[in-house]
Amino acid sequence: MDNDELLDLVDSNDRVVGTIMRSKTGNLKNKSFLRAADAFILNNDGKLWIPRRQLNKRIAPGGLDYSMGEHVKSDEDYLTACIRGFEEELNIKVTEVNLEFVHKFRPIKNLDYFRSLYIYRSEKVPYYNTADFSEYFWLTPQELLSKLNGGEFAKRSLLQTVEYFVNS
């Protein structure tokens, strides 16, 4: 990994209990968790901008992804990580006022992350980082849910998140 990052380890209440380098997070032990900020770009037609990850990615290679997904670095909060992620992955400068908080998810089986989900409203296809994503789709949440339930490969948390989004 060319850009290793220092991440906070948190307990089951999302309180910091230590740190770990991102490159060492493959199999967390001792009931510790990580943090992530995820976001969907939502257009006026109610469609989400959903990219496909490059095949060389360590997590979910070739899978569908959030419009933006970012690890929360050590001493960073979810919102700051989301703002940073939009700039790094999508070349979009956003601020707190551009983002709508949706929900904070607790860790689930086989996924040791607390995750905060945000919405960014836009009609534009972002100038995304082609080292991260190979293609994209505009899909309604229900269309995305159908693809995921039909076996389309994606990040592990995407199904739970889209189910929540569709049902809320």
Protein backbone atom coordinates (compact mmCIF):
# COMPACT_ATOMS: atom_id res chain seq x y z
CA MET A 1 0.00 0.00 0.00
CA ASP A 2 1.62 3.23 -1.12
CA ASN A 3 -0.24 5.57 1.26
CA ASP A 4 -0.49 3.85 4.62
CA GLU A 5 -2.65 5.70 7.12
CA LEU A 6 -2.86 5.72 10.90
CA LEU A 7 -6.40 4.79 11.98
CA ASP A 8 -8.06 4.82 15.37
CA LEU A 9 -9.17 1.55 16.91
CA VAL A 10 -12.46 1.93 18.76
CA ASP A 11 -14.42 -0.19 21.22
CA SER A 12 -18.04 -1.36 20.92
CA ASN A 13 -19.18 2.13 21.96
CA ASP A 14 -17.11 3.83 19.24
CA ARG A 15 -14.60 5.20 21.79
CA VAL A 16 -10.92 5.32 20.81
CA VAL A 17 -8.84 2.58 22.48
CA GLY A 18 -5.71 2.65 20.31
CA THR A 19 -4.36 3.09 16.79
CA ILE A 20 -3.34 0.83 13.93
CA MET A 21 -1.78 1.31 10.50
CA ARG A 22 -4.26 0.69 7.70
CA SER A 23 -1.97 -1.94 6.20
CA LYS A 24 -2.31 -4.00 9.41
CA THR A 25 -6.12 -4.06 9.60
CA GLY A 26 -6.67 -7.36 7.77
CA ASN A 27 -7.97 -9.25 10.78
CA LEU A 28 -8.81 -7.20 13.84
CA LYS A 29 -8.59 -8.89 17.23
CA ASN A 30 -9.66 -8.09 20.78
CA LYS A 31 -13.11 -6.72 19.87
CA SER A 32 -11.68 -3.57 18.30
CA PHE A 33 -13.32 -1.77 15.40
CA LEU A 34 -12.49 0.81 12.73
CA ARG A 35 -14.45 3.78 11.40
CA ALA A 36 -15.56 4.65 7.88
CA ALA A 37 -17.45 7.48 6.24
CA ASP A 38 -19.62 6.54 3.25
CA ALA A 39 -21.71 8.72 0.95
CA PHE A 40 -24.08 8.46 -1.97
CA ILE A 41 -24.40 11.08 -4.68
CA LEU A 42 -28.14 11.43 -5.27
CA ASN A 43 -29.54 13.19 -8.34
CA ASN A 44 -32.94 14.85 -8.87
CA ASP A 45 -34.30 11.66 -10.49
CA GLY A 46 -33.69 9.78 -7.23
CA LYS A 47 -30.75 7.86 -8.68
CA LEU A 48 -27.48 7.11 -6.91
CA TRP A 49 -24.11 7.43 -8.60
CA ILE A 50 -22.61 3.96 -8.07
CA PRO A 51 -19.06 3.24 -9.22
CA ARG A 52 -17.36 -0.10 -9.81
CA ARG A 53 -14.05 -0.60 -8.02
CA GLN A 54 -10.89 -1.37 -9.97
CA LEU A 55 -9.79 -5.03 -10.01
CA ASN A 56 -6.54 -4.24 -8.19
CA LYS A 57 -8.30 -2.94 -5.05
CA ARG A 58 -7.64 -4.91 -1.84
CA ILE A 59 -11.23 -4.55 -0.63
CA ALA A 60 -14.02 -5.74 -3.00
CA PRO A 61 -12.00 -5.79 -6.25
CA GLY A 62 -14.32 -5.25 -9.21
CA GLY A 63 -17.31 -4.73 -6.91
CA LEU A 64 -19.91 -2.02 -6.75
CA ASP A 65 -19.21 0.69 -4.19
CA TYR A 66 -20.58 3.73 -2.45
CA SER A 67 -20.23 6.96 -4.39
CA MET A 68 -17.55 7.74 -1.82
CA GLY A 69 -16.10 5.60 0.94
CA GLU A 70 -13.24 6.60 3.19
CA HIS A 71 -11.48 5.28 6.28
CA VAL A 72 -11.62 7.73 9.17
CA LYS A 73 -8.03 8.57 10.06
CA SER A 74 -6.71 8.82 13.60
CA ASP A 75 -7.93 12.00 15.36
CA GLU A 76 -10.42 12.64 12.52
CA ASP A 77 -14.22 12.57 12.73
CA TYR A 78 -16.66 10.99 10.26
CA LEU A 79 -17.65 14.27 8.61
CA THR A 80 -14.04 15.37 8.07
CA ALA A 81 -13.22 11.99 6.52
CA CYS A 82 -16.22 12.31 4.21
CA ILE A 83 -15.20 15.78 3.07
CA ARG A 84 -11.62 14.56 2.50
CA GLY A 85 -12.87 11.50 0.61
CA PHE A 86 -14.94 13.55 -1.82
CA GLU A 87 -11.85 15.54 -2.74
CA GLU A 88 -9.46 12.56 -2.94
CA GLU A 89 -11.72 10.10 -4.76
CA LEU A 90 -14.06 12.32 -6.76
CA ASN A 91 -12.28 15.68 -7.10
CA ILE A 92 -15.29 17.41 -5.52
CA LYS A 93 -14.86 20.08 -2.87
CA VAL A 94 -17.73 19.77 -0.41
CA THR A 95 -18.39 21.36 2.93
CA GLU A 96 -20.53 20.41 5.88
CA VAL A 97 -23.51 22.28 4.40
CA ASN A 98 -23.37 20.14 1.21
CA LEU A 99 -23.70 16.86 3.11
CA GLU A 100 -26.81 15.38 4.69
CA PHE A 101 -26.22 12.89 7.50
CA VAL A 102 -28.39 9.78 7.05
CA HIS A 103 -27.45 7.16 9.63
CA LYS A 104 -24.64 5.71 11.73
CA PHE A 105 -24.27 1.93 11.36
CA ARG A 106 -22.79 -0.35 13.99
CA PRO A 107 -20.39 -3.15 13.01
CA ILE A 108 -22.02 -6.23 11.51
CA LYS A 109 -20.88 -9.84 11.22
CA ASN A 110 -17.62 -10.04 9.26
CA LEU A 111 -17.32 -6.26 9.03
CA ASP A 112 -15.51 -4.55 11.90
CA TYR A 113 -16.52 -0.95 11.10
CA PHE A 114 -18.69 1.77 12.52
CA ARG A 115 -19.93 3.65 9.44
CA SER A 116 -21.62 7.00 8.98
CA LEU A 117 -23.63 7.51 5.81
CA TYR A 118 -24.09 10.88 4.10
CA ILE A 119 -25.93 12.13 1.01
CA TYR A 120 -24.55 14.67 -1.45
CA ARG A 121 -27.04 15.97 -4.02
CA SER A 122 -25.74 16.57 -7.52
CA GLU A 123 -26.62 16.07 -11.17
CA LYS A 124 -22.99 15.88 -12.29
CA VAL A 125 -20.87 12.81 -12.88
CA PRO A 126 -17.79 13.39 -10.74
CA TYR A 127 -14.33 13.56 -12.23
CA TYR A 128 -13.50 10.37 -10.35
CA ASN A 129 -10.12 8.82 -9.72
CA THR A 130 -9.69 6.11 -12.38
CA ALA A 131 -7.17 4.36 -10.13
CA ASP A 132 -10.12 3.71 -7.78
CA PHE A 133 -13.06 3.15 -10.16
CA SER A 134 -13.42 1.55 -13.60
CA GLU A 135 -16.99 2.56 -14.51
CA TYR A 136 -20.20 3.89 -12.95
CA PHE A 137 -23.98 3.66 -13.09
CA TRP A 138 -26.90 5.90 -12.11
CA LEU A 139 -29.29 3.55 -10.29
CA THR A 140 -32.36 4.02 -8.15
CA PRO A 141 -31.90 2.58 -4.66
CA GLN A 142 -34.36 -0.19 -5.61
CA GLU A 143 -32.41 -1.01 -8.80
CA LEU A 144 -29.20 -1.19 -6.76
CA LEU A 145 -30.90 -3.39 -4.17
CA SER A 146 -32.11 -5.74 -6.92
CA LYS A 147 -28.59 -6.02 -8.34
CA LEU A 148 -27.12 -6.76 -4.91
CA ASN A 149 -29.82 -9.31 -4.06
CA GLY A 150 -29.22 -10.85 -7.49
CA GLY A 151 -25.60 -11.58 -6.61
CA GLU A 152 -23.78 -8.53 -7.98
CA PHE A 153 -20.43 -8.32 -6.19
CA ALA A 154 -19.99 -5.25 -3.95
CA LYS A 155 -18.49 -4.01 -0.73
CA ARG A 156 -19.86 -6.13 2.12
CA SER A 157 -21.68 -3.28 3.84
CA LEU A 158 -23.40 -1.94 0.71
CA LEU A 159 -26.39 -4.32 0.89
CA GLN A 160 -27.20 -3.41 4.51
CA THR A 161 -26.83 0.29 3.72
CA VAL A 162 -29.05 0.20 0.64
CA GLU A 163 -31.70 -1.83 2.49
CA TYR A 164 -31.72 0.83 5.20
CA PHE A 165 -31.86 3.62 2.59
CA VAL A 166 -34.78 1.99 0.73
CA ASN A 167 -36.75 1.30 3.92
CA SER A 168 -36.25 4.64 5.68
